[in-house]
């Protein structure tokens, strides 16, 4: 005789797993432990990225003044969590593109509260799907 599955027990186990996940008892997600994939040395980035970083550190001018320097919301949660307004985004021009393209540098305020001096910069060339933290020196 075949035994019927105990749906009540399965439901309870599923409910406990969901609650544990919501309460963080199951442990943090891997993506949040390592918000960016790896570091990249500034010299290894495209020339346009180096120019953009220099402009950030000098306070401009920027090729898209209506967009550059605006708040980056980090909605994808791929960068370390910070209060809204902590991150600013800047366009890295893509040769041959008429629009802004997918490349950006995201600048954090850091401990100094100033994106120009913080040293906290991230590069994405795939419109926020992945980030690399920029190191200015090898």
Protein backbone atom coordinates (compact mmCIF):
# COMPACT_ATOMS: atom_id res chain seq x y z
CA UNK A 1 0.00 0.00 0.00
CA UNK A 2 1.34 3.40 -1.02
CA UNK A 3 1.64 6.05 1.62
CA UNK A 4 0.38 9.54 0.89
CA UNK A 5 2.83 12.40 1.45
CA UNK A 6 2.32 14.43 4.62
CA UNK A 7 1.53 17.84 3.11
CA UNK A 8 1.16 19.44 6.54
CA UNK A 9 4.77 18.57 7.42
CA UNK A 10 5.99 19.78 4.02
CA UNK A 11 4.09 23.05 4.45
CA UNK A 12 5.54 23.58 7.93
CA UNK A 13 9.09 22.94 6.70
CA UNK A 14 8.62 25.35 3.82
CA UNK A 15 7.14 28.00 6.11
CA UNK A 16 10.07 27.67 8.55
CA UNK A 17 12.59 27.99 5.71
CA UNK A 18 10.89 31.14 4.41
CA UNK A 19 10.74 32.69 7.88
CA UNK A 20 14.38 31.83 8.56
CA UNK A 21 15.36 33.51 5.29
CA UNK A 22 13.33 36.61 6.07
CA UNK A 23 14.82 36.89 9.55
CA UNK A 24 18.35 36.31 8.27
CA UNK A 25 18.78 33.10 10.23
CA UNK A 26 19.76 31.20 7.11
CA UNK A 27 22.85 33.38 6.71
CA UNK A 28 23.60 36.26 4.34
CA UNK A 29 23.44 35.86 0.61
CA UNK A 30 26.77 35.32 -1.11
CA UNK A 31 26.22 38.34 -3.37
CA UNK A 32 25.95 40.61 -0.32
CA UNK A 33 29.11 39.24 1.28
CA UNK A 34 31.15 40.08 -1.81
CA UNK A 35 29.31 43.01 -3.40
CA UNK A 36 31.84 43.54 -6.17
CA UNK A 37 33.71 40.86 -8.06
CA UNK A 38 37.30 42.09 -7.87
CA UNK A 39 39.57 45.09 -7.88
CA UNK A 40 40.94 46.66 -11.02
CA UNK A 41 43.97 48.90 -11.35
CA UNK A 42 43.14 52.27 -12.88
CA UNK A 43 45.81 51.80 -15.56
CA UNK A 44 43.94 48.69 -16.78
CA UNK A 45 40.72 50.61 -17.45
CA UNK A 46 39.88 52.31 -20.76
CA UNK A 47 41.38 55.77 -21.27
CA UNK A 48 37.90 57.29 -21.03
CA UNK A 49 37.50 55.88 -17.50
CA UNK A 50 40.79 57.45 -16.42
CA UNK A 51 39.63 60.82 -17.80
CA UNK A 52 36.28 60.48 -16.00
CA UNK A 53 37.96 59.68 -12.68
CA UNK A 54 40.24 62.68 -13.09
CA UNK A 55 37.19 64.88 -13.73
CA UNK A 56 35.47 63.50 -10.62
CA UNK A 57 38.51 64.36 -8.53
CA UNK A 58 38.65 67.87 -10.05
CA UNK A 59 34.92 68.53 -9.72
CA UNK A 60 34.21 68.51 -13.48
CA UNK A 61 33.42 69.44 -16.15
CA UNK A 62 31.36 66.41 -17.16
CA UNK A 63 30.03 65.41 -20.58
CA UNK A 64 26.48 64.88 -19.28
CA UNK A 65 25.97 67.60 -16.65
CA UNK A 66 22.28 66.73 -16.17
CA UNK A 67 23.16 63.12 -15.30
CA UNK A 68 26.74 63.07 -14.02
CA UNK A 69 27.00 63.51 -10.27
CA UNK A 70 23.44 62.39 -9.61
CA UNK A 71 22.61 59.94 -6.85
CA UNK A 72 23.19 56.28 -7.62
CA UNK A 73 20.56 54.29 -5.76
CA UNK A 74 22.40 50.94 -5.57
CA UNK A 75 19.03 49.24 -6.16
CA UNK A 76 20.84 46.17 -7.50
CA UNK A 77 22.64 45.90 -4.13
CA UNK A 78 25.93 45.05 -5.75
CA UNK A 79 27.88 47.71 -3.86
CA UNK A 80 28.29 47.82 -0.08
CA UNK A 81 25.08 49.08 1.55
CA UNK A 82 25.12 52.78 2.37
CA UNK A 83 22.49 55.45 3.04
CA UNK A 84 20.77 56.97 0.02
CA UNK A 85 22.86 59.76 -1.46
CA UNK A 86 26.19 58.19 -0.52
CA UNK A 87 26.96 57.06 -4.08
CA UNK A 88 27.13 59.30 -7.17
CA UNK A 89 27.30 58.12 -10.78
CA UNK A 90 29.34 59.44 -13.67
CA UNK A 91 29.31 58.56 -17.36
CA UNK A 92 32.35 56.97 -18.95
CA UNK A 93 31.92 57.82 -22.65
CA UNK A 94 32.00 54.93 -25.11
CA UNK A 95 33.67 55.76 -28.44
CA UNK A 96 31.25 55.45 -31.35
CA UNK A 97 28.12 55.68 -29.19
CA UNK A 98 25.70 58.57 -29.55
CA UNK A 99 24.07 57.88 -26.19
CA UNK A 100 25.65 57.53 -22.74
CA UNK A 101 26.39 53.85 -23.24
CA UNK A 102 26.71 51.35 -20.39
CA UNK A 103 29.96 52.42 -18.78
CA UNK A 104 29.94 54.29 -15.47
CA UNK A 105 32.07 55.15 -12.49
CA UNK A 106 30.25 55.14 -9.18
CA UNK A 107 31.89 57.27 -6.49
CA UNK A 108 31.26 56.85 -2.78
CA UNK A 109 31.59 59.67 -0.27
CA UNK A 110 33.94 57.64 1.92
CA UNK A 111 34.96 58.76 5.40
CA UNK A 112 35.69 62.27 4.16
CA UNK A 113 32.15 62.79 2.83
CA UNK A 114 33.41 64.00 -0.54
CA UNK A 115 33.43 61.90 -3.73
CA UNK A 116 36.32 63.95 -5.11
CA UNK A 117 38.63 62.93 -2.26
CA UNK A 118 37.20 59.66 -0.96
CA UNK A 119 39.22 57.18 -3.00
CA UNK A 120 36.13 54.95 -3.19
CA UNK A 121 35.40 54.36 -6.85
CA UNK A 122 33.74 51.50 -8.75
CA UNK A 123 33.69 50.82 -12.49
CA UNK A 124 30.97 49.06 -14.47
CA UNK A 125 30.97 48.44 -18.19
CA UNK A 126 27.70 46.50 -18.24
CA UNK A 127 25.28 49.08 -16.79
CA UNK A 128 25.39 48.01 -13.13
CA UNK A 129 25.31 44.21 -13.59
CA UNK A 130 28.85 43.96 -12.19
CA UNK A 131 31.35 46.27 -10.58
CA UNK A 132 35.09 46.39 -10.02
CA UNK A 133 36.59 48.54 -7.29
CA UNK A 134 39.16 50.91 -8.78
CA UNK A 135 42.61 50.95 -7.23
CA UNK A 136 44.60 53.94 -8.34
CA UNK A 137 47.95 52.25 -7.70
CA UNK A 138 48.98 48.63 -8.33
